[in-house]
C-alpha atoms as a PDB file:
ATOM      1  CA  MET A   1       0.078  -0.031   0.007  1.00  0.00           C
ATOM      2  CA  ASN A   2       1.259   3.485  -0.750  1.00  0.00           C
ATOM      3  CA  VAL A   3       1.317   5.833   2.207  1.00  0.00           C
ATOM      4  CA  ALA A   4       0.800   9.524   2.339  1.00  0.00           C
ATOM      5  CA  LEU A   5       1.743  11.340   5.541  1.00  0.00           C
ATOM      6  CA  HIS A   6       0.486  14.816   6.468  1.00  0.00           C
ATOM      7  CA  TYR A   7       2.293  17.320   8.474  1.00  0.00           C
ATOM      8  CA  ARG A   8       1.963  21.012   9.367  1.00  0.00           C
ATOM      9  CA  ASP A   9       5.230  21.992  10.849  1.00  0.00           C
ATOM     10  CA  ASN A  10       7.784  19.221  11.187  1.00  0.00           C
ATOM     11  CA  ALA A  11       8.802  18.208   7.587  1.00  0.00           C
ATOM     12  CA  SER A  12      12.012  16.588   8.693  1.00  0.00           C
ATOM     13  CA  ALA A  13      10.484  14.163  11.087  1.00  0.00           C
ATOM     14  CA  THR A  14       7.552  13.419   8.653  1.00  0.00           C
ATOM     15  CA  ARG A  15      10.005  12.483   5.770  1.00  0.00           C
ATOM     16  CA  THR A  16      12.002  10.285   8.297  1.00  0.00           C
ATOM     17  CA  LEU A  17       8.817   8.492   9.249  1.00  0.00           C
ATOM     18  CA  ALA A  18       7.962   8.095   5.509  1.00  0.00           C
ATOM     19  CA  LEU A  19      11.352   6.543   4.842  1.00  0.00           C
ATOM     20  CA  GLU A  20      11.050   4.155   7.783  1.00  0.00           C
ATOM     21  CA  ILE A  21       7.464   2.869   6.830  1.00  0.00           C
ATOM     22  CA  GLY A  22       8.057   3.116   3.104  1.00  0.00           C
ATOM     23  CA  ALA A  23      11.105   0.934   2.798  1.00  0.00           C
ATOM     24  CA  PRO A  24       9.806  -2.570   3.216  1.00  0.00           C
ATOM     25  CA  SER A  25       6.046  -2.062   3.365  1.00  0.00           C
ATOM     26  CA  ALA A  26       4.998   0.539   0.863  1.00  0.00           C
ATOM     27  CA  PRO A  27       5.987   0.896  -2.777  1.00  0.00           C
ATOM     28  CA  ARG A  28       5.866   4.696  -2.354  1.00  0.00           C
ATOM     29  CA  SER A  29       5.427   7.189   0.318  1.00  0.00           C
ATOM     30  CA  LEU A  30       4.616  10.909   0.142  1.00  0.00           C
ATOM     31  CA  THR A  31       4.772  13.693   2.495  1.00  0.00           C
ATOM     32  CA  VAL A  32       2.111  16.565   2.220  1.00  0.00           C
ATOM     33  CA  ARG A  33       2.153  19.791   4.104  1.00  0.00           C
ATOM     34  CA  ALA A  34      -1.127  21.463   5.080  1.00  0.00           C
ATOM     35  CA  ASP A  35      -3.135  23.145   7.783  1.00  0.00           C
ATOM     36  CA  VAL A  36      -6.155  20.790   8.189  1.00  0.00           C
ATOM     37  CA  ALA A  37      -8.079  23.685   9.543  1.00  0.00           C
ATOM     38  CA  ASP A  38      -7.998  25.439   6.195  1.00  0.00           C
ATOM     39  CA  PRO A  39     -10.441  23.860   3.610  1.00  0.00           C
ATOM     40  CA  GLU A  40      -8.360  25.042   0.587  1.00  0.00           C
ATOM     41  CA  GLN A  41      -5.094  23.455   1.976  1.00  0.00           C
ATOM     42  CA  VAL A  42      -6.971  20.334   2.814  1.00  0.00           C
ATOM     43  CA  ARG A  43      -8.324  20.144  -0.869  1.00  0.00           C
ATOM     44  CA  HIS A  44      -4.821  20.672  -2.252  1.00  0.00           C
ATOM     45  CA  MET A  45      -3.404  17.937   0.025  1.00  0.00           C
ATOM     46  CA  VAL A  46      -6.094  15.426  -1.064  1.00  0.00           C
ATOM     47  CA  ASP A  47      -5.520  16.463  -4.765  1.00  0.00           C
ATOM     48  CA  ASP A  48      -1.710  15.971  -4.313  1.00  0.00           C
ATOM     49  CA  VAL A  49      -2.345  12.359  -2.999  1.00  0.00           C
ATOM     50  CA  VAL A  50      -4.924  11.543  -5.600  1.00  0.00           C
ATOM     51  CA  ILE A  51      -2.528  12.675  -8.490  1.00  0.00           C
ATOM     52  CA  THR A  52       0.491  10.926  -6.967  1.00  0.00           C
ATOM     53  CA  PHE A  53      -1.165   7.614  -6.149  1.00  0.00           C
ATOM     54  CA  GLY A  54      -4.147   7.596  -8.448  1.00  0.00           C
ATOM     55  CA  GLY A  55      -6.594   7.597  -5.615  1.00  0.00           C
ATOM     56  CA  ILE A  56      -7.238   7.117  -1.885  1.00  0.00           C
ATOM     57  CA  ASP A  57      -8.513   3.943  -0.247  1.00  0.00           C
ATOM     58  CA  VAL A  58      -8.048   4.718   3.567  1.00  0.00           C
ATOM     59  CA  LEU A  59      -8.002   7.831   5.617  1.00  0.00           C
ATOM     60  CA  VAL A  60      -6.617   7.957   9.125  1.00  0.00           C
ATOM     61  CA  CYS A  61      -7.562  11.354  10.778  1.00  0.00           C
ATOM     62  CA  ALA A  62      -4.890  11.691  13.429  1.00  0.00           C
ATOM     63  CA  ALA A  63      -4.053  15.370  13.368  1.00  0.00           C
ATOM     64  CA  GLY A  64      -4.725  17.014  16.773  1.00  0.00           C
ATOM     65  CA  VAL A  65      -3.414  19.707  19.137  1.00  0.00           C
ATOM     66  CA  HIS A  66      -3.675  20.496  22.795  1.00  0.00           C
ATOM     67  CA  LYS A  67      -3.200  23.643  24.694  1.00  0.00           C
ATOM     68  CA  ASP A  68      -2.078  23.032  28.294  1.00  0.00           C
ATOM     69  CA  ALA A  69      -4.201  25.643  30.065  1.00  0.00           C
ATOM     70  CA  LEU A  70      -7.095  25.749  32.417  1.00  0.00           C
ATOM     71  CA  ARG A  71     -10.515  26.473  30.819  1.00  0.00           C
ATOM     72  CA  VAL A  72     -11.000  29.593  32.695  1.00  0.00           C
ATOM     73  CA  THR A  73      -7.531  31.048  31.714  1.00  0.00           C
ATOM     74  CA  SER A  74      -7.357  29.977  28.137  1.00  0.00           C
ATOM     75  CA  SER A  75      -7.943  32.462  25.363  1.00  0.00           C
ATOM     76  CA  LEU A  76     -10.716  32.232  23.004  1.00  0.00           C
ATOM     77  CA  GLN A  77      -7.988  32.062  20.222  1.00  0.00           C
ATOM     78  CA  ASP A  78      -6.596  29.054  21.902  1.00  0.00           C
ATOM     79  CA  TRP A  79     -10.036  27.465  21.838  1.00  0.00           C
ATOM     80  CA  ASP A  80     -10.688  28.414  18.273  1.00  0.00           C
ATOM     81  CA  TYR A  81      -7.319  26.758  17.232  1.00  0.00           C
ATOM     82  CA  LEU A  82      -8.016  23.728  19.229  1.00  0.00           C
ATOM     83  CA  VAL A  83     -11.584  23.227  17.630  1.00  0.00           C
ATOM     84  CA  GLY A  84     -10.179  24.342  14.265  1.00  0.00           C
ATOM     85  CA  VAL A  85      -7.471  21.460  14.147  1.00  0.00           C
ATOM     86  CA  ASN A  86      -9.214  18.651  16.273  1.00  0.00           C
ATOM     87  CA  LEU A  87     -12.911  18.942  14.981  1.00  0.00           C
ATOM     88  CA  ARG A  88     -12.859  20.927  11.878  1.00  0.00           C
ATOM     89  CA  GLY A  89      -9.675  19.457  10.461  1.00  0.00           C
ATOM     90  CA  SER A  90     -11.121  15.748  10.901  1.00  0.00           C
ATOM     91  CA  HIS A  91     -14.226  16.871   9.121  1.00  0.00           C
ATOM     92  CA  LEU A  92     -12.444  18.620   6.223  1.00  0.00           C
ATOM     93  CA  CYS A  93     -10.186  15.705   5.685  1.00  0.00           C
ATOM     94  CA  ALA A  94     -12.973  13.257   5.586  1.00  0.00           C
ATOM     95  CA  ARG A  95     -15.187  15.413   3.416  1.00  0.00           C
ATOM     96  CA  ALA A  96     -12.286  15.957   0.919  1.00  0.00           C
ATOM     97  CA  THR A  97     -11.264  12.276   0.869  1.00  0.00           C
ATOM     98  CA  LEU A  98     -14.770  11.004   0.513  1.00  0.00           C
ATOM     99  CA  ARG A  99     -15.380  13.296  -2.337  1.00  0.00           C
ATOM    100  CA  ALA A 100     -12.268  11.961  -4.167  1.00  0.00           C
ATOM    101  CA  MET A 101     -13.275   8.388  -3.353  1.00  0.00           C
ATOM    102  CA  VAL A 102     -16.846   8.870  -4.695  1.00  0.00           C
ATOM    103  CA  ARG A 103     -15.557  10.535  -7.823  1.00  0.00           C
ATOM    104  CA  ALA A 104     -13.224   7.543  -8.361  1.00  0.00           C
ATOM    105  CA  GLY A 105     -16.045   5.123  -7.774  1.00  0.00           C
ATOM    106  CA  SER A 106     -14.197   3.445  -4.959  1.00  0.00           C
ATOM    107  CA  CYS A 107     -16.754   4.492  -2.291  1.00  0.00           C
ATOM    108  CA  TRP A 108     -20.554   4.626  -2.240  1.00  0.00           C
ATOM    109  CA  CYS A 109     -22.320   7.344  -0.172  1.00  0.00           C
ATOM    110  CA  PRO A 110     -26.042   7.807   0.128  1.00  0.00           C
ATOM    111  CA  ARG A 111     -27.206  11.298  -0.626  1.00  0.00           C
END
């Protein structure tokens, strides 16, 4: 199975991981940078994977952030960031990936 790995900040660690898992188990690996809270970046990320591998069969939504602060002292910006990545990001990735899978005929989704 080909493997695409997403990152936002740490390209070096992601490339190292791609090499580690890509050598014996995957014909090819790809690293793609995107902010999963940004719909346009997610769309480009999914398009890059589809163009490189010809499609997507599996999505693992594992992006997540945590701010170590008490709820009463954390800022609204911290909350927006947390929700943007942890909730919105998963939704945007799933939506973009499912659209690509439906277009390719590899997934059936009721309307």
